[in-house]
Amino acid sequence: MFRLATMVQMLGVLVFALGLPALFASIDRGDTVDNAVMVGGYVVMRVALVFQWLRAARQDPERRRACLTYATTVLVAQAGWIALLVARTSVGVMFLWAALLVLVEVTARCWPRPARAARPGTPTTSPSATACW
């Protein structure tokens, strides 16, 4: 399953790369951004990535919460990219929206999580132990 999901991600990268010329041509023209092929490739890559995180969550109960957090983050960012595709925005708005989506993914590990109860012989998870930076 891992290899198959990785191959799907590679196919998504190829589709993503095929959309680069259209994106840059639309940026040069300065009109609405043509990112349809790129978002399509990105969707393929991200669906496979979410599948991988869900597999990891199922197989590693101790780290399930982290795996599900990252899977959710990917889905939220993916919804944002699809919204950007549907909106057919200008170049400037696209770059602002893209920066926001990157920020969502980068800061996912900073999202608040409830502290875990300590197992016998281990310290509890303190806020400083879960700091994102």
C-alpha atoms as a PDB file:
ATOM      1  CA  MET A   1       0.000   0.000   0.000  1.00  0.00           C
ATOM      2  CA  PHE A   2       2.847   2.374   0.840  1.00  0.00           C
ATOM      3  CA  ARG A   3       4.485   1.918  -2.558  1.00  0.00           C
ATOM      4  CA  LEU A   4       1.208   2.270  -4.405  1.00  0.00           C
ATOM      5  CA  ALA A   5       0.349   5.490  -2.537  1.00  0.00           C
ATOM      6  CA  THR A   6       3.852   6.809  -3.226  1.00  0.00           C
ATOM      7  CA  MET A   7       3.441   6.057  -6.941  1.00  0.00           C
ATOM      8  CA  VAL A   8       0.114   7.921  -6.927  1.00  0.00           C
ATOM      9  CA  GLN A   9       1.890  10.886  -5.336  1.00  0.00           C
ATOM     10  CA  MET A  10       4.521  10.741  -8.085  1.00  0.00           C
ATOM     11  CA  LEU A  11       1.798  10.796 -10.733  1.00  0.00           C
ATOM     12  CA  GLY A  12       0.305  13.816  -9.000  1.00  0.00           C
ATOM     13  CA  VAL A  13       3.663  15.582  -9.181  1.00  0.00           C
ATOM     14  CA  LEU A  14       3.818  14.895 -12.922  1.00  0.00           C
ATOM     15  CA  VAL A  15       0.330  16.337 -13.435  1.00  0.00           C
ATOM     16  CA  PHE A  16       1.264  19.307 -11.238  1.00  0.00           C
ATOM     17  CA  ALA A  17       4.369  19.922 -13.371  1.00  0.00           C
ATOM     18  CA  LEU A  18       2.310  19.771 -16.558  1.00  0.00           C
ATOM     19  CA  GLY A  19       0.267  22.704 -15.265  1.00  0.00           C
ATOM     20  CA  LEU A  20       3.245  24.992 -14.629  1.00  0.00           C
ATOM     21  CA  PRO A  21       3.490  26.449 -18.178  1.00  0.00           C
ATOM     22  CA  ALA A  22      -0.202  27.455 -18.157  1.00  0.00           C
ATOM     23  CA  LEU A  23       0.168  29.054 -14.722  1.00  0.00           C
ATOM     24  CA  PHE A  24       3.217  31.090 -15.692  1.00  0.00           C
ATOM     25  CA  ALA A  25       1.635  32.115 -19.012  1.00  0.00           C
ATOM     26  CA  SER A  26      -1.432  33.413 -17.164  1.00  0.00           C
ATOM     27  CA  ILE A  27       0.802  35.303 -14.710  1.00  0.00           C
ATOM     28  CA  ASP A  28       2.657  36.898 -17.651  1.00  0.00           C
ATOM     29  CA  ARG A  29      -0.658  37.984 -19.196  1.00  0.00           C
ATOM     30  CA  GLY A  30      -1.721  39.396 -15.819  1.00  0.00           C
ATOM     31  CA  ASP A  31      -5.286  38.152 -16.023  1.00  0.00           C
ATOM     32  CA  THR A  32      -6.961  35.433 -13.968  1.00  0.00           C
ATOM     33  CA  VAL A  33      -4.695  32.627 -12.868  1.00  0.00           C
ATOM     34  CA  ASP A  34      -4.915  29.385 -14.852  1.00  0.00           C
ATOM     35  CA  ASN A  35      -4.082  26.821 -12.187  1.00  0.00           C
ATOM     36  CA  ALA A  36      -6.618  24.087 -13.034  1.00  0.00           C
ATOM     37  CA  VAL A  37      -4.093  21.401 -14.050  1.00  0.00           C
ATOM     38  CA  MET A  38      -1.806  22.228 -11.140  1.00  0.00           C
ATOM     39  CA  VAL A  39      -4.619  21.986  -8.595  1.00  0.00           C
ATOM     40  CA  GLY A  40      -5.698  18.695 -10.171  1.00  0.00           C
ATOM     41  CA  GLY A  41      -2.205  17.277  -9.694  1.00  0.00           C
ATOM     42  CA  TYR A  42      -2.089  18.690  -6.179  1.00  0.00           C
ATOM     43  CA  VAL A  43      -5.381  16.977  -5.336  1.00  0.00           C
ATOM     44  CA  VAL A  44      -3.983  13.645  -6.524  1.00  0.00           C
ATOM     45  CA  MET A  45      -0.846  14.110  -4.405  1.00  0.00           C
ATOM     46  CA  ARG A  46      -2.743  15.203  -1.318  1.00  0.00           C
ATOM     47  CA  VAL A  47      -5.364  12.456  -1.429  1.00  0.00           C
ATOM     48  CA  ALA A  48      -2.542   9.921  -1.403  1.00  0.00           C
ATOM     49  CA  LEU A  49      -0.845  11.821   1.449  1.00  0.00           C
ATOM     50  CA  VAL A  50      -4.029  11.839   3.545  1.00  0.00           C
ATOM     51  CA  PHE A  51      -4.328   8.109   2.920  1.00  0.00           C
ATOM     52  CA  GLN A  52      -0.774   7.658   4.221  1.00  0.00           C
ATOM     53  CA  TRP A  53      -1.497   9.703   7.377  1.00  0.00           C
ATOM     54  CA  LEU A  54      -4.669   7.707   8.030  1.00  0.00           C
ATOM     55  CA  ARG A  55      -2.730   4.466   7.621  1.00  0.00           C
ATOM     56  CA  ALA A  56      -0.156   5.728  10.103  1.00  0.00           C
ATOM     57  CA  ALA A  57      -2.904   6.736  12.547  1.00  0.00           C
ATOM     58  CA  ARG A  58      -4.418   3.276  12.376  1.00  0.00           C
ATOM     59  CA  GLN A  59      -1.090   1.499  12.830  1.00  0.00           C
ATOM     60  CA  ASP A  60       0.403   3.682  15.582  1.00  0.00           C
ATOM     61  CA  PRO A  61      -2.071   4.341  18.417  1.00  0.00           C
ATOM     62  CA  GLU A  62       0.461   6.370  20.435  1.00  0.00           C
ATOM     63  CA  ARG A  63       0.845   8.917  17.654  1.00  0.00           C
ATOM     64  CA  ARG A  64      -2.704   8.716  16.286  1.00  0.00           C
ATOM     65  CA  ARG A  65      -3.595  12.243  17.354  1.00  0.00           C
ATOM     66  CA  ALA A  66      -0.596  13.749  15.533  1.00  0.00           C
ATOM     67  CA  CYS A  67      -1.330  11.717  12.395  1.00  0.00           C
ATOM     68  CA  LEU A  68      -4.965  12.794  12.389  1.00  0.00           C
ATOM     69  CA  THR A  69      -3.929  16.430  12.960  1.00  0.00           C
ATOM     70  CA  TYR A  70      -1.703  16.340   9.889  1.00  0.00           C
ATOM     71  CA  ALA A  71      -4.358  14.558   7.808  1.00  0.00           C
ATOM     72  CA  THR A  72      -6.900  17.213   8.787  1.00  0.00           C
ATOM     73  CA  THR A  73      -4.441  19.990   7.997  1.00  0.00           C
ATOM     74  CA  VAL A  74      -3.825  18.593   4.534  1.00  0.00           C
ATOM     75  CA  LEU A  75      -7.574  18.387   3.907  1.00  0.00           C
ATOM     76  CA  VAL A  76      -8.141  21.980   5.071  1.00  0.00           C
ATOM     77  CA  ALA A  77      -5.345  23.268   2.849  1.00  0.00           C
ATOM     78  CA  GLN A  78      -6.617  21.160  -0.045  1.00  0.00           C
ATOM     79  CA  ALA A  79     -10.081  22.667   0.306  1.00  0.00           C
ATOM     80  CA  GLY A  80      -8.435  26.085   0.149  1.00  0.00           C
ATOM     81  CA  TRP A  81      -6.639  25.231  -3.095  1.00  0.00           C
ATOM     82  CA  ILE A  82      -9.868  23.978  -4.632  1.00  0.00           C
ATOM     83  CA  ALA A  83     -11.625  27.180  -3.518  1.00  0.00           C
ATOM     84  CA  LEU A  84      -8.829  29.154  -5.163  1.00  0.00           C
ATOM     85  CA  LEU A  85      -9.382  27.220  -8.379  1.00  0.00           C
ATOM     86  CA  VAL A  86     -13.137  27.852  -8.345  1.00  0.00           C
ATOM     87  CA  ALA A  87     -12.693  31.563  -7.507  1.00  0.00           C
ATOM     88  CA  ARG A  88     -10.581  32.249 -10.635  1.00  0.00           C
ATOM     89  CA  THR A  89      -8.749  35.113  -8.947  1.00  0.00           C
ATOM     90  CA  SER A  90      -6.166  37.625 -10.059  1.00  0.00           C
ATOM     91  CA  VAL A  91      -2.458  36.990  -9.677  1.00  0.00           C
ATOM     92  CA  GLY A  92      -2.089  39.118  -6.524  1.00  0.00           C
ATOM     93  CA  VAL A  93      -5.028  37.479  -4.739  1.00  0.00           C
ATOM     94  CA  MET A  94      -3.722  34.044  -5.725  1.00  0.00           C
ATOM     95  CA  PHE A  95      -0.338  34.741  -4.131  1.00  0.00           C
ATOM     96  CA  LEU A  96      -1.941  36.057  -0.930  1.00  0.00           C
ATOM     97  CA  TRP A  97      -4.246  33.036  -0.729  1.00  0.00           C
ATOM     98  CA  ALA A  98      -1.332  30.661  -1.439  1.00  0.00           C
ATOM     99  CA  ALA A  99       0.709  32.290   1.368  1.00  0.00           C
ATOM    100  CA  LEU A 100      -2.198  31.770   3.758  1.00  0.00           C
ATOM    101  CA  LEU A 101      -2.510  28.104   2.773  1.00  0.00           C
ATOM    102  CA  VAL A 102       1.213  27.541   3.251  1.00  0.00           C
ATOM    103  CA  LEU A 103       0.928  29.167   6.675  1.00  0.00           C
ATOM    104  CA  VAL A 104      -1.918  26.796   7.578  1.00  0.00           C
ATOM    105  CA  GLU A 105       0.214  23.781   6.748  1.00  0.00           C
ATOM    106  CA  VAL A 106       3.388  25.057   8.391  1.00  0.00           C
ATOM    107  CA  THR A 107       1.662  25.923  11.659  1.00  0.00           C
ATOM    108  CA  ALA A 108      -0.369  22.702  11.944  1.00  0.00           C
ATOM    109  CA  ARG A 109       1.777  21.391  14.749  1.00  0.00           C
ATOM    110  CA  CYS A 110       1.043  24.568  16.726  1.00  0.00           C
ATOM    111  CA  TRP A 111      -2.702  23.995  16.752  1.00  0.00           C
ATOM    112  CA  PRO A 112      -3.991  23.522  20.297  1.00  0.00           C
ATOM    113  CA  ARG A 113      -4.238  19.970  21.511  1.00  0.00           C
ATOM    114  CA  PRO A 114      -5.442  18.790  24.904  1.00  0.00           C
ATOM    115  CA  ALA A 115      -2.725  17.466  27.182  1.00  0.00           C
ATOM    116  CA  ARG A 116      -2.475  13.691  27.443  1.00  0.00           C
ATOM    117  CA  ALA A 117      -2.786  11.984  30.753  1.00  0.00           C
ATOM    118  CA  ALA A 118       0.510  10.577  31.912  1.00  0.00           C
ATOM    119  CA  ARG A 119       1.086   6.870  31.995  1.00  0.00           C
ATOM    120  CA  PRO A 120       2.621   5.555  35.195  1.00  0.00           C
ATOM    121  CA  GLY A 121       6.253   6.581  35.345  1.00  0.00           C
ATOM    122  CA  THR A 122       6.046   9.265  32.619  1.00  0.00           C
ATOM    123  CA  PRO A 123       5.648  13.033  32.962  1.00  0.00           C
ATOM    124  CA  THR A 124       2.471  14.707  31.752  1.00  0.00           C
ATOM    125  CA  THR A 125       2.535  16.691  28.564  1.00  0.00           C
ATOM    126  CA  SER A 126       3.063  20.288  29.590  1.00  0.00           C
ATOM    127  CA  PRO A 127       2.405  23.317  27.359  1.00  0.00           C
ATOM    128  CA  SER A 128       6.131  23.904  27.060  1.00  0.00           C
ATOM    129  CA  ALA A 129       6.649  20.353  25.838  1.00  0.00           C
ATOM    130  CA  THR A 130       4.203  20.921  22.984  1.00  0.00           C
ATOM    131  CA  ALA A 131       5.487  24.350  21.947  1.00  0.00           C
ATOM    132  CA  CYS A 132       5.602  24.659  18.192  1.00  0.00           C
ATOM    133  CA  TRP A 133       8.872  26.533  17.854  1.00  0.00           C
END
